[in-house]
Amino acid sequence: MWCQLPDELAAIDAHNHVRAGADGKLDVGRAEALLQGCSRLGIDRIAVSVPYTDSVVAPERYRVGNEVVWQAMQHSPRFIGFCFVDAHDPTAALAEIEHCIVERKMAGVKLYHQFFVDADEQRPVMEKASSLGVPVLMHAGKCTDPATMAAQPRLSNAGHFRAALEKYPETILIQGHIGGGGDWEWNLRTLEGIDSGNYYIDLSGSVIDAGIVRRSVDTVGCERLLFATDGSLEEGVGKLLAAGLSMREMRLICHDNFARIMARRKVCDV
């Protein structure tokens, strides 16, 4: 049975990626395939970044990825850009955020697992994002298997996000992919009672356990959830449609919450 999100939702995928081709520039074929796949599933716009998984990422490397994101934005206005930085070099990171957010009108900052989200090293990035009124989307999960823990020793979980909200209360934080793997139920239990207006969690990831969306709504409220796929398009749409949400809940999750974040920007429209 063919399923898609209703067009009236104007759904925004808050967490996805574009890639470079062999020439180091935007892989236009893959970008077009992503756009077409999203169109078939009722997804209107896509927030994209180029992430780096190394423990330390030199500025000259992530500048290349952010250039690819910029090329995607030029290729189609449906792409919403997020710039990647690594706080190991705070001066370079802040300059890149200024370049991407102010000059190139990207929508937010993407961080991976180079540091925990609440680490002191993140302070310059967090304060810069706050000053611009843009969100920080952070790779996250609660993994328990030894292999993943060894590969991602600084993987942020919900506990780190709660601590980050205390340290950086003015920064808009998006916890990445509740369905990205690991113990998502632990993450939700840790978030019970959260009341910050600057906290969001995206629903992306390949995990489609029964109840994951409904439990997320019941735990943190639909006002804090963002529809996202992280590349798992059919899974992302399917688990949302199967959750038995009201049209109001769907509208908030698929569009209005992200639009509300974008309305807080202090530099430009997206």
Protein backbone atom coordinates (compact mmCIF):
# COMPACT_ATOMS: atom_id res chain seq x y z
CA MET A 1 0.00 0.00 0.00
CA TRP A 2 1.41 3.38 -1.01
CA CYS A 3 1.52 5.92 1.81
CA GLN A 4 2.67 9.50 1.99
CA LEU A 5 2.32 12.54 4.18
CA PRO A 6 -0.58 14.83 3.24
CA ASP A 7 0.54 17.76 1.07
CA GLU A 8 -1.27 20.17 3.37
CA LEU A 9 1.33 19.50 6.07
CA ALA A 10 4.16 20.99 3.97
CA ALA A 11 6.39 18.55 5.84
CA ILE A 12 9.99 19.44 6.62
CA ASP A 13 12.60 16.72 7.12
CA ALA A 14 14.68 18.28 9.90
CA HIS A 15 17.67 15.90 9.64
CA ASN A 16 19.15 14.60 6.41
CA HIS A 17 22.36 14.72 4.41
CA VAL A 18 23.86 15.49 1.04
CA ARG A 19 27.13 14.07 -0.24
CA ALA A 20 30.06 15.03 -2.41
CA GLY A 21 30.88 13.25 -5.63
CA ALA A 22 34.30 12.08 -6.78
CA ASP A 23 35.17 15.67 -7.76
CA GLY A 24 34.52 16.95 -4.24
CA LYS A 25 31.45 18.89 -5.32
CA LEU A 26 27.77 18.15 -4.72
CA ASP A 27 26.70 14.76 -6.03
CA VAL A 28 23.83 16.14 -8.06
CA GLY A 29 22.48 12.71 -8.95
CA ARG A 30 22.11 11.70 -5.31
CA ALA A 31 20.69 15.10 -4.42
CA GLU A 32 18.07 14.76 -7.15
CA ALA A 33 17.23 11.24 -6.00
CA LEU A 34 16.69 12.58 -2.48
CA LEU A 35 14.42 15.33 -3.75
CA GLN A 36 12.40 12.88 -5.83
CA GLY A 37 12.07 10.41 -2.98
CA CYS A 38 10.89 13.15 -0.66
CA SER A 39 8.36 14.34 -3.23
CA ARG A 40 6.87 10.86 -3.51
CA LEU A 41 6.48 10.69 0.27
CA GLY A 42 4.98 14.14 0.75
CA ILE A 43 8.10 15.82 2.16
CA ASP A 44 8.36 19.43 1.02
CA ARG A 45 11.75 20.65 2.30
CA ILE A 46 14.86 18.92 3.64
CA ALA A 47 17.40 20.20 6.18
CA VAL A 48 20.82 18.85 5.17
CA SER A 49 24.42 18.78 6.32
CA VAL A 50 27.65 16.93 5.57
CA PRO A 51 28.77 15.27 8.83
CA TYR A 52 32.24 14.06 9.77
CA THR A 53 32.69 11.17 12.19
CA ASP A 54 36.41 11.56 12.98
CA SER A 55 37.38 12.43 16.55
CA VAL A 56 39.01 15.64 15.29
CA VAL A 57 38.04 17.39 12.04
CA ALA A 58 40.32 20.07 10.61
CA PRO A 59 38.60 23.29 9.49
CA GLU A 60 39.78 22.87 5.91
CA ARG A 61 37.92 19.55 5.77
CA TYR A 62 34.58 20.67 7.11
CA ARG A 63 34.69 23.81 4.97
CA VAL A 64 34.59 21.50 1.96
CA GLY A 65 31.48 19.78 3.31
CA ASN A 66 29.78 23.07 4.04
CA GLU A 67 30.54 24.16 0.48
CA VAL A 68 28.68 21.05 -0.70
CA VAL A 69 25.71 22.05 1.47
CA TRP A 70 25.82 25.52 -0.09
CA GLN A 71 25.83 23.96 -3.55
CA ALA A 72 22.75 21.93 -2.58
CA MET A 73 20.98 25.11 -1.48
CA GLN A 74 21.82 26.66 -4.84
CA HIS A 75 20.63 23.55 -6.65
CA SER A 76 17.16 23.60 -5.07
CA PRO A 77 15.42 25.96 -2.62
CA ARG A 78 13.92 22.87 -1.03
CA PHE A 79 17.27 22.22 0.68
CA ILE A 80 17.80 23.96 4.03
CA GLY A 81 21.47 24.09 4.99
CA PHE A 82 23.07 23.26 8.34
CA CYS A 83 26.81 23.93 8.71
CA PHE A 84 29.12 21.44 10.39
CA VAL A 85 31.92 22.60 12.70
CA ASP A 86 34.33 21.06 15.21
CA ALA A 87 34.98 22.99 18.44
CA HIS A 88 38.59 21.78 18.69
CA ASP A 89 39.52 25.02 16.89
CA PRO A 90 37.01 27.53 18.28
CA THR A 91 38.30 30.49 16.26
CA ALA A 92 37.86 28.62 12.99
CA ALA A 93 34.50 27.20 14.08
CA LEU A 94 33.09 30.63 14.92
CA ALA A 95 34.34 32.10 11.65
CA GLU A 96 32.71 29.26 9.71
CA ILE A 97 29.41 29.69 11.53
CA GLU A 98 29.46 33.41 10.74
CA HIS A 99 30.20 32.68 7.09
CA CYS A 100 27.56 30.00 6.69
CA ILE A 101 24.74 31.45 8.79
CA VAL A 102 25.10 35.17 8.10
CA GLU A 103 26.56 35.28 4.60
CA ARG A 104 25.12 32.09 3.12
CA LYS A 105 21.89 32.07 5.09
CA MET A 106 22.14 28.54 6.42
CA ALA A 107 19.61 27.61 9.07
CA GLY A 108 21.60 26.04 11.88
CA VAL A 109 24.72 24.30 13.19
CA LYS A 110 25.37 20.56 13.03
CA LEU A 111 27.65 18.87 15.58
CA TYR A 112 28.76 15.26 15.71
CA HIS A 113 30.58 13.37 18.48
CA GLN A 114 33.86 15.27 18.64
CA PHE A 115 32.73 16.47 22.10
CA PHE A 116 29.72 15.81 24.31
CA VAL A 117 27.01 18.40 23.79
CA ASP A 118 27.49 19.74 27.35
CA ALA A 119 31.31 19.89 27.17
CA ASP A 120 32.98 23.17 28.13
CA GLU A 121 34.70 23.12 24.74
CA GLN A 122 31.32 23.64 23.07
CA ARG A 123 30.64 26.94 24.83
CA PRO A 124 31.87 29.25 22.02
CA VAL A 125 29.76 27.38 19.46
CA MET A 126 26.69 27.32 21.70
CA GLU A 127 26.92 31.00 22.50
CA LYS A 128 27.47 31.91 18.85
CA ALA A 129 24.41 29.92 17.80
CA SER A 130 22.39 31.61 20.53
CA SER A 131 23.51 35.06 19.43
CA LEU A 132 22.31 34.30 15.89
CA GLY A 133 19.09 32.66 17.05
CA VAL A 134 19.79 29.39 15.22
CA PRO A 135 19.53 25.80 16.48
CA VAL A 136 22.30 23.30 17.15
CA LEU A 137 21.46 19.82 15.84
CA MET A 138 23.57 17.23 17.65
CA HIS A 139 24.27 13.61 16.73
CA ALA A 140 23.01 11.59 19.70
CA GLY A 141 22.10 8.16 21.05
CA LYS A 142 22.22 5.87 24.07
CA CYS A 143 24.27 2.96 22.79
CA THR A 144 25.16 0.06 25.05
CA ASP A 145 27.07 -2.31 22.75
CA PRO A 146 30.87 -2.26 23.21
CA ALA A 147 31.67 -1.73 19.53
CA THR A 148 29.60 1.44 19.19
CA MET A 149 30.75 2.76 22.54
CA ALA A 150 34.38 2.28 21.50
CA ALA A 151 33.79 3.92 18.13
CA GLN A 152 31.82 6.86 19.58
CA PRO A 153 33.13 7.45 23.13
CA ARG A 154 31.71 10.99 23.16
CA LEU A 155 28.25 10.15 21.90
CA SER A 156 25.78 12.46 23.65
CA ASN A 157 22.65 11.02 25.24
CA ALA A 158 19.62 12.65 26.84
CA GLY A 159 21.49 13.16 30.10
CA HIS A 160 24.10 15.25 28.32
CA PHE A 161 21.34 17.30 26.68
CA ARG A 162 19.69 18.03 30.02
CA ALA A 163 23.06 19.20 31.35
CA ALA A 164 23.64 21.31 28.23
CA LEU A 165 20.28 23.03 28.69
CA GLU A 166 21.45 24.06 32.16
CA LYS A 167 24.80 25.35 30.88
CA TYR A 168 23.50 27.00 27.72
CA PRO A 169 19.89 27.93 28.51
CA GLU A 170 19.59 30.40 25.63
CA THR A 171 20.70 27.95 22.93
CA ILE A 172 18.15 26.01 20.88
CA LEU A 173 19.17 22.33 21.01
CA ILE A 174 17.92 19.54 18.75
CA GLN A 175 18.73 16.03 19.95
CA GLY A 176 19.33 13.95 16.84
CA HIS A 177 17.51 10.76 15.86
CA ILE A 178 15.60 9.19 18.73
CA GLY A 179 15.45 6.18 16.40
CA GLY A 180 19.14 6.20 15.58
CA GLY A 181 19.94 3.08 17.57
CA GLY A 182 20.57 2.11 21.16
CA ASP A 183 18.23 2.44 24.12
CA TRP A 184 15.71 5.04 23.00
CA GLU A 185 13.46 4.19 25.95
CA TRP A 186 16.25 5.19 28.36
CA ASN A 187 16.57 8.49 26.49
CA LEU A 188 12.86 9.18 26.84
CA ARG A 189 12.79 8.26 30.54
CA THR A 190 15.65 10.69 31.12
CA LEU A 191 13.68 13.45 29.41
CA GLU A 192 10.53 13.07 31.50
CA GLY A 193 9.40 16.39 32.94
CA ILE A 194 11.61 18.51 30.68
CA ASP A 195 10.21 22.03 30.46
CA SER A 196 12.75 24.04 28.46
CA GLY A 197 11.37 25.90 25.46
CA ASN A 198 14.76 25.48 23.78
CA TYR A 199 14.78 21.68 23.63
CA TYR A 200 13.68 19.62 20.62
CA ILE A 201 14.23 16.03 19.53
CA ASP A 202 14.01 14.73 16.00
CA LEU A 203 12.27 11.46 15.18
CA SER A 204 14.73 10.22 12.56
CA GLY A 205 16.63 6.96 12.42
CA SER A 206 16.09 3.49 11.04
CA VAL A 207 14.61 2.14 14.30
CA ILE A 208 10.88 1.61 13.83
CA ASP A 209 9.97 -0.08 17.11
CA ALA A 210 6.25 -0.07 17.78
CA GLY A 211 5.34 2.90 19.92
CA ILE A 212 8.51 4.95 19.45
CA VAL A 213 6.66 7.98 18.05
CA ARG A 214 3.70 7.76 20.41
CA ARG A 215 6.00 7.35 23.42
CA SER A 216 7.99 10.38 22.31
CA VAL A 217 4.81 12.46 22.05
CA ASP A 218 3.60 11.31 25.45
CA THR A 219 6.98 11.95 27.13
CA VAL A 220 8.14 15.33 25.81
CA GLY A 221 5.02 16.62 24.04
CA CYS A 222 4.36 17.07 20.35
CA GLU A 223 5.52 20.70 20.60
CA ARG A 224 9.12 19.49 21.06
CA LEU A 225 9.25 16.90 18.28
CA LEU A 226 10.53 17.33 14.73
CA PHE A 227 9.79 15.04 11.83
CA ALA A 228 13.05 13.80 10.33
CA THR A 229 14.41 10.76 8.51
CA ASP A 230 18.24 10.91 8.49
CA GLY A 231 18.03 9.17 5.13
CA SER A 232 15.53 6.48 6.17
CA LEU A 233 12.73 8.08 4.19
CA GLU A 234 10.13 5.31 4.06
CA GLU A 235 10.75 4.28 7.67
CA GLY A 236 10.46 7.87 8.85
CA VAL A 237 7.16 8.45 7.10
CA GLY A 238 5.79 5.00 7.91
CA LYS A 239 6.37 5.13 11.66
CA LEU A 240 4.81 8.58 11.80
CA LEU A 241 1.70 7.51 9.89
CA ALA A 242 1.39 4.39 12.06
CA ALA A 243 1.47 6.34 15.33
CA GLY A 244 -2.21 7.30 15.31
CA LEU A 245 -1.51 11.01 15.74
CA SER A 246 -4.13 13.72 15.39
CA MET A 247 -3.85 16.18 12.52
CA ARG A 248 -2.85 18.86 15.03
CA GLU A 249 -0.01 16.69 16.32
CA MET A 250 1.07 15.86 12.78
CA ARG A 251 1.07 19.52 11.76
CA LEU A 252 3.20 20.53 14.73
CA ILE A 253 5.70 17.71 14.25
CA CYS A 254 5.96 17.92 10.47
CA HIS A 255 6.04 21.67 9.99
CA ASP A 256 5.03 24.14 12.68
CA ASN A 257 7.70 23.30 15.27
CA PHE A 258 10.53 23.67 12.77
CA ALA A 259 8.96 26.85 11.39
CA ARG A 260 8.80 28.24 14.92
CA ILE A 261 12.53 27.57 15.35
CA MET A 262 13.28 29.33 12.06
CA ALA A 263 11.20 32.33 13.13
CA ARG A 264 13.64 32.91 15.99
CA ARG A 265 16.54 33.60 13.64
CA LYS A 266 18.14 37.00 14.14
CA VAL A 267 19.94 37.33 10.81
CA CYS A 268 17.83 36.35 7.79
CA ASP A 269 14.93 34.34 6.44
CA VAL A 270 15.29 30.72 5.29
